[in-house]
Protein backbone atom coordinates (compact mmCIF):
# COMPACT_ATOMS: atom_id res chain seq x y z
CA UNK A 1 -57.24 49.48 -20.88
CA UNK A 2 -53.73 48.31 -20.02
CA UNK A 3 -50.23 49.25 -20.99
CA UNK A 4 -47.89 46.88 -22.79
CA UNK A 5 -44.12 47.31 -22.45
CA UNK A 6 -41.54 46.30 -25.04
CA UNK A 7 -37.78 46.09 -24.59
CA UNK A 8 -35.44 46.67 -27.51
CA UNK A 9 -31.68 46.35 -27.64
CA UNK A 10 -29.70 49.42 -28.56
CA UNK A 11 -28.35 47.59 -31.62
CA UNK A 12 -29.90 49.51 -34.47
CA UNK A 13 -27.86 48.09 -37.32
CA UNK A 14 -30.65 45.71 -38.29
CA UNK A 15 -33.76 47.84 -37.84
CA UNK A 16 -34.87 47.12 -41.37
CA UNK A 17 -35.34 49.50 -44.23
CA UNK A 18 -36.82 52.90 -43.66
CA UNK A 19 -38.36 55.45 -45.91
CA UNK A 20 -36.37 58.45 -47.04
CA UNK A 21 -37.09 61.12 -44.47
CA UNK A 22 -35.07 63.88 -42.90
CA UNK A 23 -35.00 63.70 -39.13
CA UNK A 24 -34.31 66.87 -37.20
CA UNK A 25 -34.70 67.94 -33.58
CA UNK A 26 -38.02 69.44 -32.58
CA UNK A 27 -37.44 73.16 -32.15
CA UNK A 28 -40.86 74.79 -31.71
CA UNK A 29 -44.25 73.63 -30.53
CA UNK A 30 -45.82 75.10 -33.66
CA UNK A 31 -44.13 72.36 -35.66
CA UNK A 32 -46.31 69.83 -33.84
CA UNK A 33 -49.70 71.34 -34.56
CA UNK A 34 -50.27 70.09 -38.15
CA UNK A 35 -48.96 66.60 -37.32
CA UNK A 36 -51.09 66.31 -34.20
CA UNK A 37 -54.15 67.48 -36.11
CA UNK A 38 -53.56 64.94 -38.90
CA UNK A 39 -53.17 62.14 -36.33
CA UNK A 40 -56.18 63.30 -34.35
CA UNK A 41 -58.47 63.47 -37.37
CA UNK A 42 -57.11 60.43 -39.21
CA UNK A 43 -57.09 57.90 -36.40
CA UNK A 44 -59.88 57.13 -33.93
CA UNK A 45 -57.26 56.28 -31.29
CA UNK A 46 -55.87 59.81 -31.59
CA UNK A 47 -59.09 61.69 -30.93
CA UNK A 48 -57.93 62.86 -27.49
CA UNK A 49 -54.51 63.95 -28.72
CA UNK A 50 -53.98 67.72 -28.46
CA UNK A 51 -50.87 69.71 -29.33
CA UNK A 52 -50.56 71.58 -25.98
CA UNK A 53 -50.76 68.32 -24.03
CA UNK A 54 -48.18 66.65 -26.24
CA UNK A 55 -45.92 69.70 -26.01
CA UNK A 56 -46.10 69.46 -22.21
CA UNK A 57 -45.10 65.78 -22.42
CA UNK A 58 -42.06 66.76 -24.47
CA UNK A 59 -40.77 69.05 -21.73
CA UNK A 60 -37.95 67.90 -19.52
CA UNK A 61 -38.33 67.85 -15.75
CA UNK A 62 -35.84 67.32 -12.93
CA UNK A 63 -34.38 63.85 -13.37
CA UNK A 64 -35.95 63.50 -16.81
CA UNK A 65 -34.54 64.71 -20.13
CA UNK A 66 -36.71 64.52 -23.24
CA UNK A 67 -35.17 64.32 -26.71
CA UNK A 68 -37.59 64.73 -29.62
CA UNK A 69 -37.28 64.56 -33.38
CA UNK A 70 -39.51 65.24 -36.36
CA UNK A 71 -39.43 63.33 -39.64
CA UNK A 72 -39.94 65.35 -42.80
CA UNK A 73 -40.16 64.17 -46.41
CA UNK A 74 -36.94 64.16 -48.41
CA UNK A 75 -38.60 66.38 -51.02
CA UNK A 76 -37.72 69.42 -48.91
CA UNK A 77 -41.18 69.93 -47.46
CA UNK A 78 -41.16 71.28 -43.93
CA UNK A 79 -44.44 69.54 -43.06
CA UNK A 80 -43.67 66.97 -40.35
CA UNK A 81 -44.83 63.42 -41.13
CA UNK A 82 -43.73 61.87 -37.84
CA UNK A 83 -42.44 62.47 -34.33
CA UNK A 84 -40.47 60.40 -31.83
CA UNK A 85 -39.54 61.31 -28.30
CA UNK A 86 -36.98 59.58 -26.13
CA UNK A 87 -37.10 60.03 -22.36
CA UNK A 88 -33.86 59.67 -20.47
CA UNK A 89 -34.13 59.34 -16.71
CA UNK A 90 -31.44 59.87 -14.13
CA UNK A 91 -31.01 56.13 -13.65
CA UNK A 92 -29.83 55.67 -17.23
CA UNK A 93 -33.19 54.32 -18.35
CA UNK A 94 -34.34 55.23 -21.85
CA UNK A 95 -37.85 54.91 -23.22
CA UNK A 96 -39.63 55.98 -26.37
CA UNK A 97 -42.53 57.92 -24.94
CA UNK A 98 -44.18 59.13 -28.14
CA UNK A 99 -44.16 57.85 -31.68
CA UNK A 100 -46.57 59.54 -34.07
CA UNK A 101 -46.86 59.14 -37.82
CA UNK A 102 -49.29 60.98 -40.07
CA UNK A 103 -51.94 58.38 -40.99
CA UNK A 104 -51.33 59.08 -44.70
CA UNK A 105 -47.66 58.05 -44.27
CA UNK A 106 -48.07 54.98 -42.08
CA UNK A 107 -46.58 51.67 -43.19
CA UNK A 108 -43.97 53.50 -45.26
CA UNK A 109 -41.05 53.20 -42.83
CA UNK A 110 -41.36 56.59 -41.13
CA UNK A 111 -41.83 55.04 -37.68
CA UNK A 112 -38.93 52.66 -38.23
CA UNK A 113 -36.67 55.55 -39.25
CA UNK A 114 -37.66 57.52 -36.16
CA UNK A 115 -37.15 54.55 -33.84
CA UNK A 116 -33.77 53.83 -35.44
CA UNK A 117 -32.75 57.43 -34.81
CA UNK A 118 -34.01 57.50 -31.21
CA UNK A 119 -32.37 54.18 -30.34
CA UNK A 120 -29.08 55.26 -31.92
CA UNK A 121 -29.20 58.41 -29.81
CA UNK A 122 -29.83 56.36 -26.67
CA UNK A 123 -26.95 54.08 -27.57
CA UNK A 124 -24.64 57.08 -28.03
CA UNK A 125 -25.53 58.02 -24.44
CA UNK A 126 -24.67 54.57 -23.09
CA UNK A 127 -27.97 52.70 -23.29
CA UNK A 128 -27.95 48.94 -23.74
CA UNK A 129 -31.72 48.81 -24.15
CA UNK A 130 -34.66 51.08 -24.82
CA UNK A 131 -38.20 50.57 -23.60
CA UNK A 132 -41.44 51.44 -25.36
CA UNK A 133 -44.95 51.39 -23.92
CA UNK A 134 -48.24 51.39 -25.74
CA UNK A 135 -51.86 51.02 -24.82
CA UNK A 136 -53.50 47.62 -25.20
CA UNK A 137 -56.25 49.34 -27.22
CA UNK A 138 -53.87 50.28 -30.07
CA UNK A 139 -53.44 47.08 -32.11
CA UNK A 140 -51.35 48.74 -34.83
CA UNK A 141 -48.88 50.05 -32.26
CA UNK A 142 -48.72 46.67 -30.55
CA UNK A 143 -47.95 44.95 -33.86
CA UNK A 144 -45.24 47.49 -34.66
CA UNK A 145 -43.48 47.14 -31.29
CA UNK A 146 -43.84 43.35 -31.28
CA UNK A 147 -42.17 43.17 -34.68
CA UNK A 148 -39.23 45.31 -33.53
CA UNK A 149 -38.88 43.51 -30.21
CA UNK A 150 -38.98 40.11 -31.96
CA UNK A 151 -36.24 41.15 -34.38
CA UNK A 152 -34.18 42.72 -31.59
CA UNK A 153 -34.83 40.84 -28.35
CA UNK A 154 -33.03 42.07 -25.29
CA UNK A 155 -30.20 39.83 -24.24
């Protein structure tokens, strides 16, 4: 099992259409639990995903700031349908560490909306590029990141 790395420019103007979702900062770990459970149960690749472990990954450490957002449906529901986290390191490096979408909402633009938001945030903090890693055993994630990287190759 290997890791694949993708480099995106911080130009988000052309990140395609995205579904109508509200994106708000993650405020409490309890907001993660239903989303993590949906991803864990609805996707064989997510079987090892657990809310406490993900919450720990979303915690900043010295030299590392983590920004995280939840996507919620525009209908006013508070149930999260997606999550993105952006890690900012002291060297000005930005990477999308986590991107989760409820399996029932995949291929509807939720991930694209979250990536657009995370990359725009990185750009506002001076980033010229943003990195994303995924496991070689996650073909859907590889296809998603390849599509974005192909549309937005780093210069």
